[in-house]
PDB file of N, CA and C in Angstrom:
ATOM      1  N   MET A   1      22.956 -43.649 -13.982  1.00  0.00           N
ATOM      2  CA  MET A   1      22.596 -42.356 -14.261  1.00  0.00           C
ATOM      3  C   MET A   1      21.699 -41.798 -13.175  1.00  0.00           C
ATOM      4  N   PHE A   2      21.049 -42.575 -12.522  1.00  0.00           N
ATOM      5  CA  PHE A   2      20.171 -42.047 -11.452  1.00  0.00           C
ATOM      6  C   PHE A   2      21.001 -41.829 -10.101  1.00  0.00           C
ATOM      7  N   MET A   3      22.177 -42.538 -10.109  1.00  0.00           N
ATOM      8  CA  MET A   3      22.902 -42.372  -8.774  1.00  0.00           C
ATOM      9  C   MET A   3      23.693 -40.890  -8.888  1.00  0.00           C
ATOM     10  N   THR A   4      24.294 -40.809 -10.159  1.00  0.00           N
ATOM     11  CA  THR A   4      24.879 -39.458 -10.340  1.00  0.00           C
ATOM     12  C   THR A   4      24.069 -38.313 -10.155  1.00  0.00           C
ATOM     13  N   ALA A   5      22.719 -38.325 -10.495  1.00  0.00           N
ATOM     14  CA  ALA A   5      21.751 -37.324 -10.273  1.00  0.00           C
ATOM     15  C   ALA A   5      21.630 -37.103  -8.819  1.00  0.00           C
ATOM     16  N   ILE A   6      21.664 -38.170  -8.063  1.00  0.00           N
ATOM     17  CA  ILE A   6      21.448 -38.160  -6.442  1.00  0.00           C
ATOM     18  C   ILE A   6      22.740 -37.452  -5.982  1.00  0.00           C
ATOM     19  N   TYR A   7      23.975 -37.954  -6.430  1.00  0.00           N
ATOM     20  CA  TYR A   7      25.081 -37.372  -5.779  1.00  0.00           C
ATOM     21  C   TYR A   7      25.212 -35.824  -6.311  1.00  0.00           C
ATOM     22  N   ILE A   8      24.858 -35.447  -7.445  1.00  0.00           N
ATOM     23  CA  ILE A   8      24.905 -34.100  -7.712  1.00  0.00           C
ATOM     24  C   ILE A   8      23.970 -33.242  -6.795  1.00  0.00           C
ATOM     25  N   LEU A   9      22.653 -33.625  -6.496  1.00  0.00           N
ATOM     26  CA  LEU A   9      21.871 -33.226  -5.696  1.00  0.00           C
ATOM     27  C   LEU A   9      22.124 -33.205  -4.431  1.00  0.00           C
ATOM     28  N   VAL A  10      22.704 -34.054  -3.885  1.00  0.00           N
ATOM     29  CA  VAL A  10      23.114 -34.065  -2.486  1.00  0.00           C
ATOM     30  C   VAL A  10      24.411 -33.059  -2.298  1.00  0.00           C
ATOM     31  N   SER A  11      25.366 -33.105  -3.167  1.00  0.00           N
ATOM     32  CA  SER A  11      26.450 -32.137  -3.128  1.00  0.00           C
ATOM     33  C   SER A  11      26.140 -30.739  -3.282  1.00  0.00           C
ATOM     34  N   CYS A  12      25.112 -30.305  -4.100  1.00  0.00           N
ATOM     35  CA  CYS A  12      24.367 -29.063  -4.109  1.00  0.00           C
ATOM     36  C   CYS A  12      23.845 -28.601  -2.903  1.00  0.00           C
ATOM     37  N   MET A  13      23.047 -29.658  -2.416  1.00  0.00           N
ATOM     38  CA  MET A  13      22.478 -29.269  -0.797  1.00  0.00           C
ATOM     39  C   MET A  13      23.609 -29.074   0.244  1.00  0.00           C
ATOM     40  N   ILE A  14      24.627 -29.882   0.076  1.00  0.00           N
ATOM     41  CA  ILE A  14      25.645 -29.637   1.203  1.00  0.00           C
ATOM     42  C   ILE A  14      26.373 -28.245   0.803  1.00  0.00           C
ATOM     43  N   VAL A  15      26.629 -27.754  -0.202  1.00  0.00           N
ATOM     44  CA  VAL A  15      27.237 -26.435  -0.565  1.00  0.00           C
ATOM     45  C   VAL A  15      26.250 -25.352  -0.077  1.00  0.00           C
ATOM     46  N   VAL A  16      25.023 -25.556  -0.480  1.00  0.00           N
ATOM     47  CA  VAL A  16      24.068 -24.397   0.093  1.00  0.00           C
ATOM     48  C   VAL A  16      24.026 -24.441   1.419  1.00  0.00           C
ATOM     49  N   PHE A  17      24.034 -25.499   2.087  1.00  0.00           N
ATOM     50  CA  PHE A  17      24.029 -25.580   3.662  1.00  0.00           C
ATOM     51  C   PHE A  17      25.154 -24.912   4.157  1.00  0.00           C
ATOM     52  N   ILE A  18      26.476 -25.097   3.614  1.00  0.00           N
ATOM     53  CA  ILE A  18      27.553 -24.548   4.196  1.00  0.00           C
ATOM     54  C   ILE A  18      27.513 -23.108   4.099  1.00  0.00           C
ATOM     55  N   ASN A  19      27.113 -22.616   2.863  1.00  0.00           N
ATOM     56  CA  ASN A  19      27.014 -21.070   2.635  1.00  0.00           C
ATOM     57  C   ASN A  19      25.948 -20.463   3.559  1.00  0.00           C
ATOM     58  N   MET A  20      24.892 -21.162   3.646  1.00  0.00           N
ATOM     59  CA  MET A  20      23.925 -20.569   4.810  1.00  0.00           C
ATOM     60  C   MET A  20      24.546 -20.562   6.196  1.00  0.00           C
ATOM     61  N   VAL A  21      25.230 -21.558   6.541  1.00  0.00           N
ATOM     62  CA  VAL A  21      25.749 -21.352   7.985  1.00  0.00           C
ATOM     63  C   VAL A  21      26.963 -20.293   7.932  1.00  0.00           C
ATOM     64  N   TYR A  22      27.595 -20.334   7.061  1.00  0.00           N
ATOM     65  CA  TYR A  22      28.590 -19.244   6.752  1.00  0.00           C
ATOM     66  C   TYR A  22      28.066 -17.850   6.872  1.00  0.00           C
ATOM     67  N   LEU A  23      27.002 -17.526   6.155  1.00  0.00           N
ATOM     68  CA  LEU A  23      26.335 -16.320   6.122  1.00  0.00           C
ATOM     69  C   LEU A  23      25.656 -15.963   7.491  1.00  0.00           C
ATOM     70  N   MET A  24      25.157 -16.936   8.183  1.00  0.00           N
ATOM     71  CA  MET A  24      24.592 -16.644   9.443  1.00  0.00           C
ATOM     72  C   MET A  24      25.760 -16.423  10.443  1.00  0.00           C
ATOM     73  N   ILE A  25      26.826 -16.956  10.453  1.00  0.00           N
ATOM     74  CA  ILE A  25      27.918 -16.646  11.226  1.00  0.00           C
ATOM     75  C   ILE A  25      28.580 -15.233  11.066  1.00  0.00           C
ATOM     76  N   VAL A  26      28.954 -14.996   9.805  1.00  0.00           N
ATOM     77  CA  VAL A  26      29.393 -13.821   9.393  1.00  0.00           C
ATOM     78  C   VAL A  26      28.434 -12.482   9.606  1.00  0.00           C
ATOM     79  N   ASN A  27      27.137 -12.757   9.492  1.00  0.00           N
ATOM     80  CA  ASN A  27      26.250 -11.580   9.624  1.00  0.00           C
ATOM     81  C   ASN A  27      26.096 -11.293  11.079  1.00  0.00           C
ATOM     82  N   LYS A  28      26.324 -12.346  12.022  1.00  0.00           N
ATOM     83  CA  LYS A  28      26.089 -11.699  13.417  1.00  0.00           C
ATOM     84  C   LYS A  28      27.139 -10.753  13.918  1.00  0.00           C
ATOM     85  N   PHE A  29      28.352 -10.894  13.357  1.00  0.00           N
ATOM     86  CA  PHE A  29      29.277 -10.131  13.663  1.00  0.00           C
ATOM     87  C   PHE A  29      29.499  -8.720  13.012  1.00  0.00           C
ATOM     88  N   VAL A  30      28.851  -8.722  12.045  1.00  0.00           N
ATOM     89  CA  VAL A  30      28.934  -7.413  11.107  1.00  0.00           C
ATOM     90  C   VAL A  30      27.774  -6.498  11.541  1.00  0.00           C
ATOM     91  N   ASN A  31      28.220  -5.724  12.569  1.00  0.00           N
ATOM     92  CA  ASN A  31      27.142  -4.551  13.034  1.00  0.00           C
ATOM     93  C   ASN A  31      27.910  -3.167  13.017  1.00  0.00           C
ATOM     94  N   SER A  32      27.334  -2.430  12.280  1.00  0.00           N
ATOM     95  CA  SER A  32      27.941  -1.137  11.903  1.00  0.00           C
ATOM     96  C   SER A  32      26.733  -0.048  12.357  1.00  0.00           C
ATOM     97  N   ARG A  33      27.290   1.107  12.459  1.00  0.00           N
ATOM     98  CA  ARG A  33      26.181   2.238  12.689  1.00  0.00           C
ATOM     99  C   ARG A  33      25.318   2.514  11.523  1.00  0.00           C
ATOM    100  N   ASN A  34      25.782   2.266  10.231  1.00  0.00           N
ATOM    101  CA  ASN A  34      24.897   2.489   9.163  1.00  0.00           C
ATOM    102  C   ASN A  34      23.745   1.297   9.056  1.00  0.00           C
ATOM    103  N   LYS A  35      24.062   0.234   9.688  1.00  0.00           N
ATOM    104  CA  LYS A  35      23.154  -0.961   9.428  1.00  0.00           C
ATOM    105  C   LYS A  35      22.096  -0.823  10.526  1.00  0.00           C
ATOM    106  N   PHE A  36      22.183  -0.081  11.676  1.00  0.00           N
ATOM    107  CA  PHE A  36      21.094   0.172  12.637  1.00  0.00           C
ATOM    108  C   PHE A  36      20.472   1.561  12.621  1.00  0.00           C
ATOM    109  N   SER A  37      21.059   2.398  11.544  1.00  0.00           N
ATOM    110  CA  SER A  37      20.483   3.673  11.461  1.00  0.00           C
ATOM    111  C   SER A  37      19.112   3.677  10.451  1.00  0.00           C
ATOM    112  N   THR A  38      18.215   4.669  10.652  1.00  0.00           N
ATOM    113  CA  THR A  38      17.092   4.752   9.833  1.00  0.00           C
ATOM    114  C   THR A  38      17.528   5.113   8.359  1.00  0.00           C
ATOM    115  N   PHE A  39      16.656   4.618   7.351  1.00  0.00           N
ATOM    116  CA  PHE A  39      16.975   5.038   5.936  1.00  0.00           C
ATOM    117  C   PHE A  39      15.940   6.278   5.774  1.00  0.00           C
ATOM    118  N   GLU A  40      16.740   7.382   5.610  1.00  0.00           N
ATOM    119  CA  GLU A  40      15.908   8.762   5.444  1.00  0.00           C
ATOM    120  C   GLU A  40      16.455   9.201   3.966  1.00  0.00           C
ATOM    121  N   CYS A  41      16.068   8.653   2.798  1.00  0.00           N
ATOM    122  CA  CYS A  41      16.463   9.136   1.486  1.00  0.00           C
ATOM    123  C   CYS A  41      17.945   9.322   1.421  1.00  0.00           C
ATOM    124  N   GLY A  42      18.837   8.660   2.051  1.00  0.00           N
ATOM    125  CA  GLY A  42      20.436   8.912   2.095  1.00  0.00           C
ATOM    126  C   GLY A  42      20.893  10.062   2.745  1.00  0.00           C
ATOM    127  N   MET A  43      19.927  10.770   3.463  1.00  0.00           N
ATOM    128  CA  MET A  43      20.416  12.001   4.340  1.00  0.00           C
ATOM    129  C   MET A  43      20.471  11.619   5.796  1.00  0.00           C
ATOM    130  N   ASP A  44      21.269  12.393   6.416  1.00  0.00           N
ATOM    131  CA  ASP A  44      21.406  11.959   7.974  1.00  0.00           C
ATOM    132  C   ASP A  44      20.132  12.768   8.654  1.00  0.00           C
ATOM    133  N   LEU A  45      19.557  12.252   9.664  1.00  0.00           N
ATOM    134  CA  LEU A  45      18.592  12.604  10.436  1.00  0.00           C
ATOM    135  C   LEU A  45      18.985  14.035  11.134  1.00  0.00           C
ATOM    136  N   MET A  46      18.097  15.100  11.014  1.00  0.00           N
ATOM    137  CA  MET A  46      18.445  16.362  11.709  1.00  0.00           C
ATOM    138  C   MET A  46      17.657  16.469  12.912  1.00  0.00           C
ATOM    139  N   THR A  47      16.268  15.764  12.964  1.00  0.00           N
ATOM    140  CA  THR A  47      15.676  15.956  14.217  1.00  0.00           C
ATOM    141  C   THR A  47      15.143  14.645  14.642  1.00  0.00           C
ATOM    142  N   SER A  48      14.468  14.501  15.943  1.00  0.00           N
ATOM    143  CA  SER A  48      13.953  12.999  16.284  1.00  0.00           C
ATOM    144  C   SER A  48      12.896  12.734  15.414  1.00  0.00           C
ATOM    145  N   LEU A  49      12.712  11.370  15.667  1.00  0.00           N
ATOM    146  CA  LEU A  49      11.558  10.754  14.738  1.00  0.00           C
ATOM    147  C   LEU A  49      10.324  10.753  15.480  1.00  0.00           C
ATOM    148  N   ARG A  50      10.268  11.016  16.832  1.00  0.00           N
ATOM    149  CA  ARG A  50       9.122  11.087  17.694  1.00  0.00           C
ATOM    150  C   ARG A  50       8.377  12.707  17.521  1.00  0.00           C
ATOM    151  N   LEU A  51       8.230  13.128  16.176  1.00  0.00           N
ATOM    152  CA  LEU A  51       7.287  14.397  16.290  1.00  0.00           C
ATOM    153  C   LEU A  51       6.074  14.043  15.973  1.00  0.00           C
ATOM    154  N   PRO A  52       5.088  15.008  16.485  1.00  0.00           N
ATOM    155  CA  PRO A  52       3.695  14.811  16.296  1.00  0.00           C
ATOM    156  C   PRO A  52       3.299  14.726  14.748  1.00  0.00           C
ATOM    157  N   PHE A  53       2.450  13.923  14.450  1.00  0.00           N
ATOM    158  CA  PHE A  53       2.021  13.760  13.087  1.00  0.00           C
ATOM    159  C   PHE A  53       0.597  14.319  12.811  1.00  0.00           C
ATOM    160  N   SER A  54       0.436  15.290  11.788  1.00  0.00           N
ATOM    161  CA  SER A  54      -0.708  15.807  11.824  1.00  0.00           C
ATOM    162  C   SER A  54      -1.777  14.966  11.057  1.00  0.00           C
ATOM    163  N   LEU A  55      -3.051  14.642  11.737  1.00  0.00           N
ATOM    164  CA  LEU A  55      -3.964  13.751  11.178  1.00  0.00           C
ATOM    165  C   LEU A  55      -4.567  14.385   9.956  1.00  0.00           C
ATOM    166  N   HIS A  56      -4.653  15.544   9.699  1.00  0.00           N
ATOM    167  CA  HIS A  56      -5.300  16.100   8.493  1.00  0.00           C
ATOM    168  C   HIS A  56      -4.717  15.640   7.043  1.00  0.00           C
ATOM    169  N   PHE A  57      -3.235  15.383   7.123  1.00  0.00           N
ATOM    170  CA  PHE A  57      -2.849  14.738   6.061  1.00  0.00           C
ATOM    171  C   PHE A  57      -3.276  13.411   5.714  1.00  0.00           C
ATOM    172  N   TYR A  58      -3.498  12.714   7.030  1.00  0.00           N
ATOM    173  CA  TYR A  58      -3.966  11.171   6.582  1.00  0.00           C
ATOM    174  C   TYR A  58      -5.320  11.197   6.419  1.00  0.00           C
ATOM    175  N   PHE A  59      -6.205  12.344   6.862  1.00  0.00           N
ATOM    176  CA  PHE A  59      -7.527  12.311   6.358  1.00  0.00           C
ATOM    177  C   PHE A  59      -7.699  12.688   4.976  1.00  0.00           C
ATOM    178  N   VAL A  60      -6.913  13.708   4.446  1.00  0.00           N
ATOM    179  CA  VAL A  60      -7.154  14.032   3.042  1.00  0.00           C
ATOM    180  C   VAL A  60      -6.712  12.938   2.268  1.00  0.00           C
ATOM    181  N   SER A  61      -5.657  12.045   2.569  1.00  0.00           N
ATOM    182  CA  SER A  61      -5.296  10.879   1.690  1.00  0.00           C
ATOM    183  C   SER A  61      -6.566   9.800   1.733  1.00  0.00           C
ATOM    184  N   ILE A  62      -7.120   9.617   2.916  1.00  0.00           N
ATOM    185  CA  ILE A  62      -8.199   8.863   2.946  1.00  0.00           C
ATOM    186  C   ILE A  62      -9.427   9.293   2.166  1.00  0.00           C
ATOM    187  N   ILE A  63      -9.619  10.419   2.213  1.00  0.00           N
ATOM    188  CA  ILE A  63     -10.674  11.122   1.436  1.00  0.00           C
ATOM    189  C   ILE A  63     -10.514  10.884   0.007  1.00  0.00           C
ATOM    190  N   PHE A  64      -9.168  11.193  -0.442  1.00  0.00           N
ATOM    191  CA  PHE A  64      -8.924  11.063  -1.877  1.00  0.00           C
ATOM    192  C   PHE A  64      -9.049   9.725  -2.299  1.00  0.00           C
ATOM    193  N   LEU A  65      -8.656   8.696  -1.528  1.00  0.00           N
ATOM    194  CA  LEU A  65      -8.736   7.198  -1.844  1.00  0.00           C
ATOM    195  C   LEU A  65     -10.360   6.893  -2.086  1.00  0.00           C
ATOM    196  N   ILE A  66     -11.079   7.326  -1.136  1.00  0.00           N
ATOM    197  CA  ILE A  66     -12.512   6.985  -1.087  1.00  0.00           C
ATOM    198  C   ILE A  66     -13.304   7.474  -2.373  1.00  0.00           C
ATOM    199  N   PHE A  67     -12.930   8.877  -2.639  1.00  0.00           N
ATOM    200  CA  PHE A  67     -13.497   9.514  -3.811  1.00  0.00           C
ATOM    201  C   PHE A  67     -12.976   9.156  -5.004  1.00  0.00           C
ATOM    202  N   ASP A  68     -11.706   8.535  -5.076  1.00  0.00           N
ATOM    203  CA  ASP A  68     -11.180   8.009  -6.170  1.00  0.00           C
ATOM    204  C   ASP A  68     -11.729   6.607  -6.474  1.00  0.00           C
ATOM    205  N   VAL A  69     -11.923   5.785  -5.648  1.00  0.00           N
ATOM    206  CA  VAL A  69     -12.745   4.594  -5.820  1.00  0.00           C
ATOM    207  C   VAL A  69     -14.028   4.850  -6.141  1.00  0.00           C
ATOM    208  N   GLU A  70     -14.808   5.842  -5.478  1.00  0.00           N
ATOM    209  CA  GLU A  70     -16.172   6.020  -6.040  1.00  0.00           C
ATOM    210  C   GLU A  70     -16.353   6.399  -7.499  1.00  0.00           C
ATOM    211  N   LEU A  71     -15.314   7.381  -7.922  1.00  0.00           N
ATOM    212  CA  LEU A  71     -15.341   7.565  -9.316  1.00  0.00           C
ATOM    213  C   LEU A  71     -14.951   6.550 -10.143  1.00  0.00           C
ATOM    214  N   MET A  72     -14.112   5.617  -9.834  1.00  0.00           N
ATOM    215  CA  MET A  72     -13.887   4.593 -10.703  1.00  0.00           C
ATOM    216  C   MET A  72     -15.144   3.637 -10.772  1.00  0.00           C
ATOM    217  N   MET A  73     -16.089   3.703  -9.805  1.00  0.00           N
ATOM    218  CA  MET A  73     -17.161   2.781  -9.842  1.00  0.00           C
ATOM    219  C   MET A  73     -18.121   3.527 -10.957  1.00  0.00           C
ATOM    220  N   ILE A  74     -18.001   4.732 -11.226  1.00  0.00           N
ATOM    221  CA  ILE A  74     -18.865   5.324 -12.434  1.00  0.00           C
ATOM    222  C   ILE A  74     -18.311   4.806 -13.623  1.00  0.00           C
ATOM    223  N   LEU A  75     -17.153   4.724 -13.858  1.00  0.00           N
ATOM    224  CA  LEU A  75     -16.535   4.529 -15.208  1.00  0.00           C
ATOM    225  C   LEU A  75     -17.234   3.183 -15.879  1.00  0.00           C
ATOM    226  N   PRO A  76     -17.455   2.161 -15.335  1.00  0.00           N
ATOM    227  CA  PRO A  76     -18.193   0.922 -16.031  1.00  0.00           C
ATOM    228  C   PRO A  76     -19.512   1.286 -16.575  1.00  0.00           C
ATOM    229  N   PHE A  77     -20.383   2.345 -15.969  1.00  0.00           N
ATOM    230  CA  PHE A  77     -21.704   2.665 -16.543  1.00  0.00           C
ATOM    231  C   PHE A  77     -21.572   3.191 -17.872  1.00  0.00           C
ATOM    232  N   VAL A  78     -20.471   3.718 -18.257  1.00  0.00           N
ATOM    233  CA  VAL A  78     -20.498   4.199 -19.634  1.00  0.00           C
ATOM    234  C   VAL A  78     -20.461   3.200 -20.511  1.00  0.00           C
ATOM    235  N   PHE A  79     -19.768   1.944 -20.387  1.00  0.00           N
ATOM    236  CA  PHE A  79     -19.706   1.055 -21.051  1.00  0.00           C
ATOM    237  C   PHE A  79     -20.989  -0.010 -21.124  1.00  0.00           C
ATOM    238  N   CYS A  80     -21.742   0.221 -20.191  1.00  0.00           N
ATOM    239  CA  CYS A  80     -22.867  -0.718 -19.812  1.00  0.00           C
ATOM    240  C   CYS A  80     -24.268  -0.330 -20.436  1.00  0.00           C
ATOM    241  N   PHE A  81     -24.258   1.078 -21.096  1.00  0.00           N
ATOM    242  CA  PHE A  81     -25.409   1.572 -21.405  1.00  0.00           C
ATOM    243  C   PHE A  81     -26.150   0.992 -22.337  1.00  0.00           C
ATOM    244  N   LYS A  82     -25.476   0.207 -23.414  1.00  0.00           N
ATOM    245  CA  LYS A  82     -26.344  -0.527 -24.372  1.00  0.00           C
ATOM    246  C   LYS A  82     -26.686  -1.842 -23.948  1.00  0.00           C
ATOM    247  N   LEU A  83     -26.144  -2.383 -22.776  1.00  0.00           N
ATOM    248  CA  LEU A  83     -26.521  -3.604 -22.233  1.00  0.00           C
ATOM    249  C   LEU A  83     -27.669  -3.642 -21.316  1.00  0.00           C
ATOM    250  N   PHE A  84     -27.990  -2.741 -20.587  1.00  0.00           N
ATOM    251  CA  PHE A  84     -29.055  -2.609 -19.619  1.00  0.00           C
ATOM    252  C   PHE A  84     -29.983  -1.769 -20.160  1.00  0.00           C
ATOM    253  N   ASN A  85     -31.193  -1.811 -19.318  1.00  0.00           N
ATOM    254  CA  ASN A  85     -32.192  -0.847 -19.284  1.00  0.00           C
ATOM    255  C   ASN A  85     -31.871   0.352 -18.934  1.00  0.00           C
ATOM    256  N   MET A  86     -32.331   1.441 -19.627  1.00  0.00           N
ATOM    257  CA  MET A  86     -31.862   2.908 -19.318  1.00  0.00           C
ATOM    258  C   MET A  86     -32.333   3.369 -18.084  1.00  0.00           C
ATOM    259  N   MET A  87     -33.536   2.989 -17.822  1.00  0.00           N
ATOM    260  CA  MET A  87     -34.137   3.389 -16.389  1.00  0.00           C
ATOM    261  C   MET A  87     -33.277   2.867 -15.254  1.00  0.00           C
ATOM    262  N   ASN A  88     -33.046   1.750 -15.435  1.00  0.00           N
ATOM    263  CA  ASN A  88     -32.160   0.994 -14.200  1.00  0.00           C
ATOM    264  C   ASN A  88     -30.646   1.592 -14.096  1.00  0.00           C
ATOM    265  N   MET A  89     -30.114   1.903 -15.348  1.00  0.00           N
ATOM    266  CA  MET A  89     -28.942   2.517 -15.336  1.00  0.00           C
ATOM    267  C   MET A  89     -28.871   3.958 -14.899  1.00  0.00           C
ATOM    268  N   PHE A  90     -29.773   4.649 -15.064  1.00  0.00           N
ATOM    269  CA  PHE A  90     -30.006   5.991 -14.501  1.00  0.00           C
ATOM    270  C   PHE A  90     -30.244   5.882 -12.890  1.00  0.00           C
ATOM    271  N   MET A  91     -31.042   4.886 -12.506  1.00  0.00           N
ATOM    272  CA  MET A  91     -31.269   4.864 -11.114  1.00  0.00           C
ATOM    273  C   MET A  91     -29.918   4.438 -10.279  1.00  0.00           C
ATOM    274  N   MET A  92     -29.154   3.445 -10.856  1.00  0.00           N
ATOM    275  CA  MET A  92     -27.922   3.196 -10.194  1.00  0.00           C
ATOM    276  C   MET A  92     -26.916   4.515 -10.209  1.00  0.00           C
ATOM    277  N   ILE A  93     -26.847   5.102 -11.194  1.00  0.00           N
ATOM    278  CA  ILE A  93     -25.949   6.137 -11.385  1.00  0.00           C
ATOM    279  C   ILE A  93     -26.553   7.279 -10.424  1.00  0.00           C
ATOM    280  N   TYR A  94     -27.692   7.528 -10.244  1.00  0.00           N
ATOM    281  CA  TYR A  94     -28.324   8.456  -9.375  1.00  0.00           C
ATOM    282  C   TYR A  94     -28.018   8.054  -7.885  1.00  0.00           C
ATOM    283  N   MET A  95     -28.089   6.697  -7.703  1.00  0.00           N
ATOM    284  CA  MET A  95     -27.847   6.314  -6.257  1.00  0.00           C
ATOM    285  C   MET A  95     -26.420   6.371  -5.945  1.00  0.00           C
ATOM    286  N   LEU A  96     -25.399   6.188  -6.752  1.00  0.00           N
ATOM    287  CA  LEU A  96     -24.040   6.338  -6.608  1.00  0.00           C
ATOM    288  C   LEU A  96     -23.627   7.772  -6.455  1.00  0.00           C
ATOM    289  N   MET A  97     -24.224   8.562  -7.378  1.00  0.00           N
ATOM    290  CA  MET A  97     -24.036  10.050  -7.286  1.00  0.00           C
ATOM    291  C   MET A  97     -24.580  10.570  -5.852  1.00  0.00           C
ATOM    292  N   LEU A  98     -25.757  10.120  -5.631  1.00  0.00           N
ATOM    293  CA  LEU A  98     -26.224  10.492  -4.164  1.00  0.00           C
ATOM    294  C   LEU A  98     -25.471  10.181  -3.106  1.00  0.00           C
ATOM    295  N   PHE A  99     -24.956   8.854  -3.006  1.00  0.00           N
ATOM    296  CA  PHE A  99     -23.892   8.461  -2.027  1.00  0.00           C
ATOM    297  C   PHE A  99     -22.801   9.371  -1.950  1.00  0.00           C
ATOM    298  N   ILE A 100     -22.081   9.418  -3.185  1.00  0.00           N
ATOM    299  CA  ILE A 100     -20.912  10.496  -3.264  1.00  0.00           C
ATOM    300  C   ILE A 100     -21.048  11.778  -2.433  1.00  0.00           C
ATOM    301  N   ILE A 101     -22.398  12.693  -3.044  1.00  0.00           N
ATOM    302  CA  ILE A 101     -22.715  13.920  -2.505  1.00  0.00           C
ATOM    303  C   ILE A 101     -22.887  13.852  -0.889  1.00  0.00           C
ATOM    304  N   LEU A 102     -23.671  12.697  -0.463  1.00  0.00           N
ATOM    305  CA  LEU A 102     -23.748  12.732   0.855  1.00  0.00           C
ATOM    306  C   LEU A 102     -22.555  12.410   1.656  1.00  0.00           C
ATOM    307  N   SER A 103     -21.659  11.500   1.030  1.00  0.00           N
ATOM    308  CA  SER A 103     -20.295  11.236   1.850  1.00  0.00           C
ATOM    309  C   SER A 103     -19.543  12.660   1.892  1.00  0.00           C
ATOM    310  N   PHE A 104     -19.680  13.360   0.804  1.00  0.00           N
ATOM    311  CA  PHE A 104     -18.883  14.900   0.740  1.00  0.00           C
ATOM    312  C   PHE A 104     -19.369  15.521   1.850  1.00  0.00           C
ATOM    313  N   PHE A 105     -20.853  15.786   1.852  1.00  0.00           N
ATOM    314  CA  PHE A 105     -21.395  16.616   2.999  1.00  0.00           C
ATOM    315  C   PHE A 105     -21.112  16.163   4.377  1.00  0.00           C
ATOM    316  N   TYR A 106     -21.122  14.866   4.591  1.00  0.00           N
ATOM    317  CA  TYR A 106     -20.878  14.271   6.070  1.00  0.00           C
ATOM    318  C   TYR A 106     -19.296  14.680   6.259  1.00  0.00           C
ATOM    319  N   GLU A 107     -18.307  14.517   5.367  1.00  0.00           N
ATOM    320  CA  GLU A 107     -16.871  14.862   5.804  1.00  0.00           C
ATOM    321  C   GLU A 107     -16.789  16.435   6.147  1.00  0.00           C
ATOM    322  N   TRP A 108     -17.655  17.193   5.097  1.00  0.00           N
ATOM    323  CA  TRP A 108     -17.615  18.593   5.426  1.00  0.00           C
ATOM    324  C   TRP A 108     -18.170  18.916   6.847  1.00  0.00           C
ATOM    325  N   TRP A 109     -19.204  18.112   7.237  1.00  0.00           N
ATOM    326  CA  TRP A 109     -20.105  18.527   8.411  1.00  0.00           C
ATOM    327  C   TRP A 109     -19.234  18.159   9.577  1.00  0.00           C
ATOM    328  N   THR A 110     -18.192  17.055   9.546  1.00  0.00           N
ATOM    329  CA  THR A 110     -17.654  16.542  10.455  1.00  0.00           C
ATOM    330  C   THR A 110     -16.143  17.469  10.582  1.00  0.00           C
ATOM    331  N   GLY A 111     -15.977  18.245   9.664  1.00  0.00           N
ATOM    332  CA  GLY A 111     -14.815  19.140   9.856  1.00  0.00           C
ATOM    333  C   GLY A 111     -13.550  18.515   9.270  1.00  0.00           C
ATOM    334  N   LEU A 112     -13.681  17.464   8.392  1.00  0.00           N
ATOM    335  CA  LEU A 112     -12.425  17.017   7.904  1.00  0.00           C
ATOM    336  C   LEU A 112     -11.700  17.949   6.815  1.00  0.00           C
ATOM    337  N   PHE A 113     -12.421  18.845   6.353  1.00  0.00           N
ATOM    338  CA  PHE A 113     -11.795  19.687   5.310  1.00  0.00           C
ATOM    339  C   PHE A 113     -11.359  21.122   5.989  1.00  0.00           C
ATOM    340  N   GLU A 114     -11.543  21.211   7.140  1.00  0.00           N
ATOM    341  CA  GLU A 114     -10.947  22.329   8.003  1.00  0.00           C
ATOM    342  C   GLU A 114      -9.624  22.235   8.408  1.00  0.00           C
ATOM    343  N   TRP A 115      -8.541  23.089   7.854  1.00  0.00           N
ATOM    344  CA  TRP A 115      -7.368  22.949   8.173  1.00  0.00           C
ATOM    345  C   TRP A 115      -6.834  23.668   9.368  1.00  0.00           C
ATOM    346  N   MET A 116      -7.408  24.751   9.611  1.00  0.00           N
ATOM    347  CA  MET A 116      -7.176  25.441  10.861  1.00  0.00           C
ATOM    348  C   MET A 116      -8.252  25.276  11.980  1.00  0.00           C
ATOM    349  N   MET A 117      -7.806  24.743  13.009  1.00  0.00           N
ATOM    350  CA  MET A 117      -8.664  24.400  14.039  1.00  0.00           C
ATOM    351  C   MET A 117      -8.346  25.107  15.317  1.00  0.00           C
TER     352      MET A 117
END
C-alpha cells in the first residue's frame, strides 16, 4: 500500500516536471505583437505613452484618501458615547475635527486646490 502511494506520487511529479519543461520551451518561441503590446482597455494606442501627467489629479486623490480616512475615524465615536466619559469623548472629537480643519487650511494655503496656475 505504501509503495503504490510512492509510485503514484513519483509518477505525478514526473508528469508535472515534463509539463513544466514543455511549457517553458513552447513559451520561449511564441512571441507575437499582441504579447508585447500594452493593454489599453482593448483599444489600440493612438498616442505615445510618454505624455506629461498632471499632478493635480494625483493630489486630489491623495486629499480624498486623507479626508476619507479621517472621516472614518469619526465613526467609532458614535458607538463609544455610552462607554466613555462625555468630556473625554468631546475632547477627542474636538481634537480630531481641529486636525481635519487645520489640514484643510494647510492644503488650501499650499495651493493644492487651485487648478489653474
